[in-house]
Amino acid sequence: MFLIVPIVILIILIFSAIKILNEYERGVMFTLGRYTGTKGPGIILVIPFIQRMVKVDLRIIVLDVPTQDVISRDNVSVKVNAVVYFRIVDPSRAIIQVANPFEATSQLAQTTLRSVLGQHELDEMLSERDKLNLDIQRILDQATDAWGIKVSNVEIKHVDLDETMVRAIAKQAEAERTRRAKVIHAEGEHQAATMLVEAAKALGADPRAMQLRYLQTLADISAENSSTIVFPLPLDLISPLLQKGRSQD
């Protein structure tokens, strides 16, 4: 009877010493409080009361950055949120160098998001998201490298504006479309005028070309269903007659 209790305790200690780590897990080992290595995956033996193991997940973690109030360089207040993809690449540093790597990365992502976006104007936030994502990712990756964390990607999800700014941007876009329409119309008028001048020069180079154009115009008018027909008479056709009449006088 007295041997059963020690045997049961021994069995419990043996089973408590056996740890199984999955392929995506590592165990940071501490012996009498000192770091003695990283183990895993597979079966790990931990000596009770002497050793302690801290389990670390190496898979990519998706961190949702809460909505941040950002004031752009052109003094526009916006609300921005983002998502950060990172993973632990050095389990020992992630446990030894920082108390809570996930919370530390989240807080750093929030401050970096406000800092980077605050250096840009609203138009850049809306049109250059890829560049801003790379800037934020690069800064976060450099800052978390000492913690054994690799930030692989950052994506800005939403840039929310208040109703006043939405209406102002809509008016600006409408004015820009109107300006482009006027520019296109002016360019068309300029091209048409240039082509008309070139056509007039071509017709004026040879009087016979003007006569052919006159006959073509008469043909076009006669093809129309109209009770009134107007015959345009170019001065080039009658100028020889006028000159002949003056010479006879």
C-alpha atoms as a PDB file:
ATOM      1  CA  MET A   1       0.000   0.000   0.000  1.00  0.00           C
ATOM      2  CA  PHE A   2       2.818   2.348   0.875  1.00  0.00           C
ATOM      3  CA  LEU A   3       4.521   1.622  -2.463  1.00  0.00           C
ATOM      4  CA  ILE A   4       1.464   2.484  -4.544  1.00  0.00           C
ATOM      5  CA  VAL A   5       1.561   6.204  -3.741  1.00  0.00           C
ATOM      6  CA  PRO A   6       5.220   6.733  -4.760  1.00  0.00           C
ATOM      7  CA  ILE A   7       4.659   4.699  -7.921  1.00  0.00           C
ATOM      8  CA  VAL A   8       1.624   6.792  -8.851  1.00  0.00           C
ATOM      9  CA  ILE A   9       3.564  10.004  -8.213  1.00  0.00           C
ATOM     10  CA  LEU A  10       6.461   8.706 -10.302  1.00  0.00           C
ATOM     11  CA  ILE A  11       4.138   7.846 -13.182  1.00  0.00           C
ATOM     12  CA  ILE A  12       2.537  11.306 -13.020  1.00  0.00           C
ATOM     13  CA  LEU A  13       5.976  12.953 -13.081  1.00  0.00           C
ATOM     14  CA  ILE A  14       7.063  10.876 -16.060  1.00  0.00           C
ATOM     15  CA  PHE A  15       3.962  11.745 -18.057  1.00  0.00           C
ATOM     16  CA  SER A  16       4.244  15.421 -17.108  1.00  0.00           C
ATOM     17  CA  ALA A  17       7.838  15.397 -18.344  1.00  0.00           C
ATOM     18  CA  ILE A  18       6.824  14.236 -21.800  1.00  0.00           C
ATOM     19  CA  LYS A  19       5.832  17.067 -24.160  1.00  0.00           C
ATOM     20  CA  ILE A  20       4.795  16.705 -27.782  1.00  0.00           C
ATOM     21  CA  LEU A  21       5.336  19.594 -30.177  1.00  0.00           C
ATOM     22  CA  ASN A  22       3.681  19.853 -33.590  1.00  0.00           C
ATOM     23  CA  GLU A  23       5.606  20.588 -36.786  1.00  0.00           C
ATOM     24  CA  TYR A  24       4.772  24.309 -36.544  1.00  0.00           C
ATOM     25  CA  GLU A  25       5.732  24.582 -32.835  1.00  0.00           C
ATOM     26  CA  ARG A  26       9.002  25.040 -30.989  1.00  0.00           C
ATOM     27  CA  GLY A  27       9.841  24.835 -27.306  1.00  0.00           C
ATOM     28  CA  VAL A  28      12.111  27.413 -25.663  1.00  0.00           C
ATOM     29  CA  MET A  29      13.833  25.593 -22.803  1.00  0.00           C
ATOM     30  CA  PHE A  30      14.863  27.136 -19.473  1.00  0.00           C
ATOM     31  CA  THR A  31      16.906  25.128 -16.941  1.00  0.00           C
ATOM     32  CA  LEU A  32      16.947  26.635 -13.472  1.00  0.00           C
ATOM     33  CA  GLY A  33      15.893  29.916 -15.061  1.00  0.00           C
ATOM     34  CA  ARG A  34      18.619  29.987 -17.729  1.00  0.00           C
ATOM     35  CA  TYR A  35      17.983  29.618 -21.455  1.00  0.00           C
ATOM     36  CA  THR A  36      19.353  26.263 -22.599  1.00  0.00           C
ATOM     37  CA  GLY A  37      18.133  25.959 -26.192  1.00  0.00           C
ATOM     38  CA  THR A  38      15.165  25.599 -28.501  1.00  0.00           C
ATOM     39  CA  LYS A  39      13.717  22.167 -29.188  1.00  0.00           C
ATOM     40  CA  GLY A  40      11.105  20.587 -31.392  1.00  0.00           C
ATOM     41  CA  PRO A  41       9.148  19.375 -33.160  1.00  0.00           C
ATOM     42  CA  GLY A  42       8.389  15.909 -31.786  1.00  0.00           C
ATOM     43  CA  ILE A  43       8.685  14.442 -28.289  1.00  0.00           C
ATOM     44  CA  ILE A  44      10.473  16.624 -25.731  1.00  0.00           C
ATOM     45  CA  LEU A  45      11.476  15.636 -22.203  1.00  0.00           C
ATOM     46  CA  VAL A  46      11.193  18.354 -19.569  1.00  0.00           C
ATOM     47  CA  ILE A  47      12.633  17.594 -16.131  1.00  0.00           C
ATOM     48  CA  PRO A  48       9.970  18.577 -13.575  1.00  0.00           C
ATOM     49  CA  PHE A  49      10.847  21.380 -11.129  1.00  0.00           C
ATOM     50  CA  ILE A  50      14.171  21.955 -12.929  1.00  0.00           C
ATOM     51  CA  GLN A  51      13.260  22.735 -16.494  1.00  0.00           C
ATOM     52  CA  ARG A  52      10.493  24.811 -18.004  1.00  0.00           C
ATOM     53  CA  MET A  53       9.382  24.931 -21.623  1.00  0.00           C
ATOM     54  CA  VAL A  54       7.632  27.847 -23.352  1.00  0.00           C
ATOM     55  CA  LYS A  55       5.750  26.806 -26.483  1.00  0.00           C
ATOM     56  CA  VAL A  56       5.995  29.114 -29.523  1.00  0.00           C
ATOM     57  CA  ASP A  57       3.837  28.989 -32.674  1.00  0.00           C
ATOM     58  CA  LEU A  58       5.760  29.587 -35.918  1.00  0.00           C
ATOM     59  CA  ARG A  59       2.768  29.998 -38.216  1.00  0.00           C
ATOM     60  CA  ILE A  60       1.853  33.315 -39.853  1.00  0.00           C
ATOM     61  CA  ILE A  61      -0.319  35.419 -37.581  1.00  0.00           C
ATOM     62  CA  VAL A  62      -2.915  37.858 -38.929  1.00  0.00           C
ATOM     63  CA  LEU A  63      -3.081  40.977 -36.781  1.00  0.00           C
ATOM     64  CA  ASP A  64      -5.993  43.366 -37.263  1.00  0.00           C
ATOM     65  CA  VAL A  65      -4.844  46.906 -36.495  1.00  0.00           C
ATOM     66  CA  PRO A  66      -7.688  48.888 -34.861  1.00  0.00           C
ATOM     67  CA  THR A  67      -9.005  52.010 -36.574  1.00  0.00           C
ATOM     68  CA  GLN A  68      -6.655  54.940 -36.076  1.00  0.00           C
ATOM     69  CA  ASP A  69      -7.399  58.672 -36.296  1.00  0.00           C
ATOM     70  CA  VAL A  70      -4.852  60.142 -38.707  1.00  0.00           C
ATOM     71  CA  ILE A  71      -4.312  63.765 -39.726  1.00  0.00           C
ATOM     72  CA  SER A  72      -2.756  63.963 -43.176  1.00  0.00           C
ATOM     73  CA  ARG A  73      -0.090  66.437 -44.225  1.00  0.00           C
ATOM     74  CA  ASP A  74      -2.774  68.650 -45.799  1.00  0.00           C
ATOM     75  CA  ASN A  75      -4.697  68.706 -42.462  1.00  0.00           C
ATOM     76  CA  VAL A  76      -7.460  66.252 -43.382  1.00  0.00           C
ATOM     77  CA  SER A  77      -8.749  64.012 -40.593  1.00  0.00           C
ATOM     78  CA  VAL A  78      -9.324  60.392 -41.669  1.00  0.00           C
ATOM     79  CA  LYS A  79      -9.890  57.042 -39.987  1.00  0.00           C
ATOM     80  CA  VAL A  80      -7.601  54.253 -41.177  1.00  0.00           C
ATOM     81  CA  ASN A  81      -7.329  50.579 -40.284  1.00  0.00           C
ATOM     82  CA  ALA A  82      -4.999  47.902 -41.572  1.00  0.00           C
ATOM     83  CA  VAL A  83      -4.002  44.257 -41.279  1.00  0.00           C
ATOM     84  CA  VAL A  84      -0.477  42.983 -40.553  1.00  0.00           C
ATOM     85  CA  TYR A  85       0.871  39.523 -41.444  1.00  0.00           C
ATOM     86  CA  PHE A  86       3.847  38.380 -39.366  1.00  0.00           C
ATOM     87  CA  ARG A  87       5.426  35.275 -37.874  1.00  0.00           C
ATOM     88  CA  ILE A  88       8.059  34.359 -35.310  1.00  0.00           C
ATOM     89  CA  VAL A  89      11.339  33.292 -36.927  1.00  0.00           C
ATOM     90  CA  ASP A  90      13.496  33.198 -33.766  1.00  0.00           C
ATOM     91  CA  PRO A  91      11.546  31.688 -30.828  1.00  0.00           C
ATOM     92  CA  SER A  92      14.253  32.401 -28.264  1.00  0.00           C
ATOM     93  CA  ARG A  93      14.373  36.146 -28.970  1.00  0.00           C
ATOM     94  CA  ALA A  94      10.568  36.324 -29.144  1.00  0.00           C
ATOM     95  CA  ILE A  95      10.398  34.979 -25.576  1.00  0.00           C
ATOM     96  CA  ILE A  96      13.508  36.541 -24.034  1.00  0.00           C
ATOM     97  CA  GLN A  97      13.575  40.005 -25.641  1.00  0.00           C
ATOM     98  CA  VAL A  98       9.905  40.987 -25.323  1.00  0.00           C
ATOM     99  CA  ALA A  99       7.270  40.139 -22.723  1.00  0.00           C
ATOM    100  CA  ASN A 100       4.316  39.864 -25.112  1.00  0.00           C
ATOM    101  CA  PRO A 101       5.373  39.775 -28.784  1.00  0.00           C
ATOM    102  CA  PHE A 102       1.823  39.940 -30.139  1.00  0.00           C
ATOM    103  CA  GLU A 103       0.795  42.956 -28.066  1.00  0.00           C
ATOM    104  CA  ALA A 104       4.120  44.687 -28.767  1.00  0.00           C
ATOM    105  CA  THR A 105       3.715  44.183 -32.516  1.00  0.00           C
ATOM    106  CA  SER A 106       0.124  45.452 -32.380  1.00  0.00           C
ATOM    107  CA  GLN A 107       1.064  48.647 -30.540  1.00  0.00           C
ATOM    108  CA  LEU A 108       4.027  49.257 -32.827  1.00  0.00           C
ATOM    109  CA  ALA A 109       1.817  48.766 -35.903  1.00  0.00           C
ATOM    110  CA  GLN A 110      -0.673  51.357 -34.623  1.00  0.00           C
ATOM    111  CA  THR A 111       1.954  54.036 -33.970  1.00  0.00           C
ATOM    112  CA  THR A 112       3.752  53.307 -37.264  1.00  0.00           C
ATOM    113  CA  LEU A 113       0.487  53.534 -39.192  1.00  0.00           C
ATOM    114  CA  ARG A 114      -0.258  56.989 -37.768  1.00  0.00           C
ATOM    115  CA  SER A 115       3.315  58.177 -38.250  1.00  0.00           C
ATOM    116  CA  VAL A 116       3.708  57.089 -41.877  1.00  0.00           C
ATOM    117  CA  LEU A 117       0.276  58.196 -43.102  1.00  0.00           C
ATOM    118  CA  GLY A 118       0.611  61.537 -41.316  1.00  0.00           C
ATOM    119  CA  GLN A 119       3.512  62.383 -43.624  1.00  0.00           C
ATOM    120  CA  HIS A 120       1.394  62.088 -46.780  1.00  0.00           C
ATOM    121  CA  GLU A 121      -1.499  64.016 -48.275  1.00  0.00           C
ATOM    122  CA  LEU A 122      -4.988  62.603 -48.663  1.00  0.00           C
ATOM    123  CA  ASP A 123      -4.618  62.048 -52.417  1.00  0.00           C
ATOM    124  CA  GLU A 124      -1.529  59.917 -51.793  1.00  0.00           C
ATOM    125  CA  MET A 125      -3.377  57.827 -49.193  1.00  0.00           C
ATOM    126  CA  LEU A 126      -6.102  57.075 -51.705  1.00  0.00           C
ATOM    127  CA  SER A 127      -3.989  56.530 -54.820  1.00  0.00           C
ATOM    128  CA  GLU A 128      -0.642  55.170 -53.545  1.00  0.00           C
ATOM    129  CA  ARG A 129      -1.667  52.441 -51.109  1.00  0.00           C
ATOM    130  CA  ASP A 130       0.868  49.952 -52.429  1.00  0.00           C
ATOM    131  CA  LYS A 131       3.733  52.334 -51.731  1.00  0.00           C
ATOM    132  CA  LEU A 132       2.413  53.154 -48.245  1.00  0.00           C
ATOM    133  CA  ASN A 133       1.964  49.452 -47.481  1.00  0.00           C
ATOM    134  CA  LEU A 134       5.609  48.807 -48.379  1.00  0.00           C
ATOM    135  CA  ASP A 135       6.809  51.741 -46.254  1.00  0.00           C
ATOM    136  CA  ILE A 136       4.882  50.549 -43.187  1.00  0.00           C
ATOM    137  CA  GLN A 137       5.993  46.933 -43.710  1.00  0.00           C
ATOM    138  CA  ARG A 138       9.650  47.955 -44.006  1.00  0.00           C
ATOM    139  CA  ILE A 139       9.565  50.048 -40.805  1.00  0.00           C
ATOM    140  CA  LEU A 140       7.758  47.341 -38.824  1.00  0.00           C
ATOM    141  CA  ASP A 141      10.120  44.635 -40.066  1.00  0.00           C
ATOM    142  CA  GLN A 142      13.181  46.608 -39.015  1.00  0.00           C
ATOM    143  CA  ALA A 143      11.725  47.383 -35.577  1.00  0.00           C
ATOM    144  CA  THR A 144      10.598  43.814 -34.822  1.00  0.00           C
ATOM    145  CA  ASP A 145      13.778  42.138 -36.062  1.00  0.00           C
ATOM    146  CA  ALA A 146      15.274  42.378 -32.542  1.00  0.00           C
ATOM    147  CA  TRP A 147      12.244  40.448 -31.247  1.00  0.00           C
ATOM    148  CA  GLY A 148      12.735  37.569 -33.684  1.00  0.00           C
ATOM    149  CA  ILE A 149       9.634  38.559 -35.662  1.00  0.00           C
ATOM    150  CA  LYS A 150       9.351  38.845 -39.446  1.00  0.00           C
ATOM    151  CA  VAL A 151       6.642  41.157 -40.824  1.00  0.00           C
ATOM    152  CA  SER A 152       5.852  39.779 -44.269  1.00  0.00           C
ATOM    153  CA  ASN A 153       3.022  42.049 -45.407  1.00  0.00           C
ATOM    154  CA  VAL A 154       0.919  45.068 -44.424  1.00  0.00           C
ATOM    155  CA  GLU A 155      -2.357  46.018 -46.092  1.00  0.00           C
ATOM    156  CA  ILE A 156      -4.331  49.226 -45.499  1.00  0.00           C
ATOM    157  CA  LYS A 157      -7.961  48.117 -45.540  1.00  0.00           C
ATOM    158  CA  HIS A 158     -10.063  51.278 -45.264  1.00  0.00           C
ATOM    159  CA  VAL A 159      -9.536  55.041 -45.396  1.00  0.00           C
ATOM    160  CA  ASP A 160     -12.775  56.544 -44.102  1.00  0.00           C
ATOM    161  CA  LEU A 161     -13.667  60.225 -44.587  1.00  0.00           C
ATOM    162  CA  ASP A 162     -16.448  62.295 -43.070  1.00  0.00           C
ATOM    163  CA  GLU A 163     -19.381  63.417 -45.207  1.00  0.00           C
ATOM    164  CA  THR A 164     -17.991  66.932 -45.709  1.00  0.00           C
ATOM    165  CA  MET A 165     -14.771  65.618 -47.224  1.00  0.00           C
ATOM    166  CA  VAL A 166     -16.658  63.117 -49.383  1.00  0.00           C
ATOM    167  CA  ARG A 167     -18.751  65.930 -50.883  1.00  0.00           C
ATOM    168  CA  ALA A 168     -15.664  68.090 -51.383  1.00  0.00           C
ATOM    169  CA  ILE A 169     -13.828  65.275 -53.181  1.00  0.00           C
ATOM    170  CA  ALA A 170     -16.908  64.632 -55.351  1.00  0.00           C
ATOM    171  CA  LYS A 171     -17.001  68.314 -56.354  1.00  0.00           C
ATOM    172  CA  GLN A 172     -13.293  68.253 -57.087  1.00  0.00           C
ATOM    173  CA  ALA A 173     -13.687  65.166 -59.275  1.00  0.00           C
ATOM    174  CA  GLU A 174     -16.605  66.768 -61.142  1.00  0.00           C
ATOM    175  CA  ALA A 175     -14.589  69.940 -61.736  1.00  0.00           C
ATOM    176  CA  GLU A 176     -11.680  67.850 -63.011  1.00  0.00           C
ATOM    177  CA  ARG A 177     -13.959  65.993 -65.437  1.00  0.00           C
ATOM    178  CA  THR A 178     -15.382  69.318 -66.677  1.00  0.00           C
ATOM    179  CA  ARG A 179     -11.872  70.700 -67.178  1.00  0.00           C
ATOM    180  CA  ARG A 180     -10.807  67.639 -69.161  1.00  0.00           C
ATOM    181  CA  ALA A 181     -13.936  67.851 -71.333  1.00  0.00           C
ATOM    182  CA  LYS A 182     -13.211  71.497 -72.133  1.00  0.00           C
ATOM    183  CA  VAL A 183      -9.579  70.724 -72.919  1.00  0.00           C
ATOM    184  CA  ILE A 184     -10.575  67.872 -75.230  1.00  0.00           C
ATOM    185  CA  HIS A 185     -13.165  70.091 -76.946  1.00  0.00           C
ATOM    186  CA  ALA A 186     -10.605  72.884 -77.417  1.00  0.00           C
ATOM    187  CA  GLU A 187      -8.059  70.429 -78.828  1.00  0.00           C
ATOM    188  CA  GLY A 188     -10.703  69.145 -81.264  1.00  0.00           C
ATOM    189  CA  GLU A 189     -11.523  72.677 -82.398  1.00  0.00           C
ATOM    190  CA  HIS A 190      -7.835  73.417 -82.854  1.00  0.00           C
ATOM    191  CA  GLN A 191      -7.298  70.290 -84.938  1.00  0.00           C
ATOM    192  CA  ALA A 192     -10.416  71.008 -87.035  1.00  0.00           C
ATOM    193  CA  ALA A 193      -9.291  74.588 -87.678  1.00  0.00           C
ATOM    194  CA  THR A 194      -5.809  73.395 -88.657  1.00  0.00           C
ATOM    195  CA  MET A 195      -7.254  70.874 -91.086  1.00  0.00           C
ATOM    196  CA  LEU A 196      -9.585  73.494 -92.582  1.00  0.00           C
ATOM    197  CA  VAL A 197      -6.662  75.836 -93.160  1.00  0.00           C
ATOM    198  CA  GLU A 198      -4.711  73.059 -94.856  1.00  0.00           C
ATOM    199  CA  ALA A 199      -7.742  72.199 -97.018  1.00  0.00           C
ATOM    200  CA  ALA A 200      -8.189  75.849 -98.011  1.00  0.00           C
ATOM    201  CA  LYS A 201      -4.531  76.052 -98.978  1.00  0.00           C
ATOM    202  CA  ALA A 202      -4.858  72.917-101.089  1.00  0.00           C
ATOM    203  CA  LEU A 203      -7.977  74.219-102.855  1.00  0.00           C
ATOM    204  CA  GLY A 204      -6.453  77.639-103.422  1.00  0.00           C
ATOM    205  CA  ALA A 205      -3.351  76.215-104.997  1.00  0.00           C
ATOM    206  CA  ASP A 206      -5.253  75.210-108.150  1.00  0.00           C
ATOM    207  CA  PRO A 207      -8.461  77.003-109.378  1.00  0.00           C
ATOM    208  CA  ARG A 208      -9.674  73.762-110.932  1.00  0.00           C
ATOM    209  CA  ALA A 209      -9.834  72.185-107.487  1.00  0.00           C
ATOM    210  CA  MET A 210     -12.209  74.962-106.384  1.00  0.00           C
ATOM    211  CA  GLN A 211     -14.412  74.355-109.432  1.00  0.00           C
ATOM    212  CA  LEU A 212     -14.570  70.621-108.688  1.00  0.00           C
ATOM    213  CA  ARG A 213     -15.509  71.389-105.103  1.00  0.00           C
ATOM    214  CA  TYR A 214     -18.233  73.732-106.329  1.00  0.00           C
ATOM    215  CA  LEU A 215     -19.684  71.049-108.581  1.00  0.00           C
ATOM    216  CA  GLN A 216     -19.602  68.543-105.728  1.00  0.00           C
ATOM    217  CA  THR A 217     -21.489  70.989-103.530  1.00  0.00           C
ATOM    218  CA  LEU A 218     -24.164  71.424-106.234  1.00  0.00           C
ATOM    219  CA  ALA A 219     -24.497  67.641-106.447  1.00  0.00           C
ATOM    220  CA  ASP A 220     -24.949  67.391-102.673  1.00  0.00           C
ATOM    221  CA  ILE A 221     -27.610  70.116-102.671  1.00  0.00           C
ATOM    222  CA  SER A 222     -29.557  68.556-105.559  1.00  0.00           C
ATOM    223  CA  ALA A 223     -29.697  65.233-103.711  1.00  0.00           C
ATOM    224  CA  GLU A 224     -31.626  66.792-100.813  1.00  0.00           C
ATOM    225  CA  ASN A 225     -35.446  66.817-100.779  1.00  0.00           C
ATOM    226  CA  SER A 226     -36.004  70.561-100.775  1.00  0.00           C
ATOM    227  CA  SER A 227     -38.246  72.866-102.809  1.00  0.00           C
ATOM    228  CA  THR A 228     -35.699  75.671-102.669  1.00  0.00           C
ATOM    229  CA  ILE A 229     -32.257  75.289-104.177  1.00  0.00           C
ATOM    230  CA  VAL A 230     -29.539  77.823-103.540  1.00  0.00           C
ATOM    231  CA  PHE A 231     -26.653  77.933-105.974  1.00  0.00           C
ATOM    232  CA  PRO A 232     -23.539  79.284-104.286  1.00  0.00           C
ATOM    233  CA  LEU A 233     -21.386  81.111-106.778  1.00  0.00           C
ATOM    234  CA  PRO A 234     -17.712  81.368-105.849  1.00  0.00           C
ATOM    235  CA  LEU A 235     -16.012  84.637-106.638  1.00  0.00           C
ATOM    236  CA  ASP A 236     -13.187  82.710-108.264  1.00  0.00           C
ATOM    237  CA  LEU A 237     -15.582  81.699-111.040  1.00  0.00           C
ATOM    238  CA  ILE A 238     -16.966  85.123-111.815  1.00  0.00           C
ATOM    239  CA  SER A 239     -13.842  87.186-111.198  1.00  0.00           C
ATOM    240  CA  PRO A 240     -12.597  86.636-114.811  1.00  0.00           C
ATOM    241  CA  LEU A 241     -15.984  87.862-116.107  1.00  0.00           C
ATOM    242  CA  LEU A 242     -15.835  90.925-113.867  1.00  0.00           C
ATOM    243  CA  GLN A 243     -12.320  91.742-115.006  1.00  0.00           C
ATOM    244  CA  LYS A 244     -13.381  91.324-118.652  1.00  0.00           C
ATOM    245  CA  GLY A 245     -16.308  93.674-118.149  1.00  0.00           C
ATOM    246  CA  ARG A 246     -14.106  96.337-116.592  1.00  0.00           C
ATOM    247  CA  SER A 247     -11.616  96.104-119.447  1.00  0.00           C
ATOM    248  CA  GLN A 248     -14.432  96.620-122.020  1.00  0.00           C
ATOM    249  CA  ASP A 249     -15.621  99.719-120.134  1.00  0.00           C
END
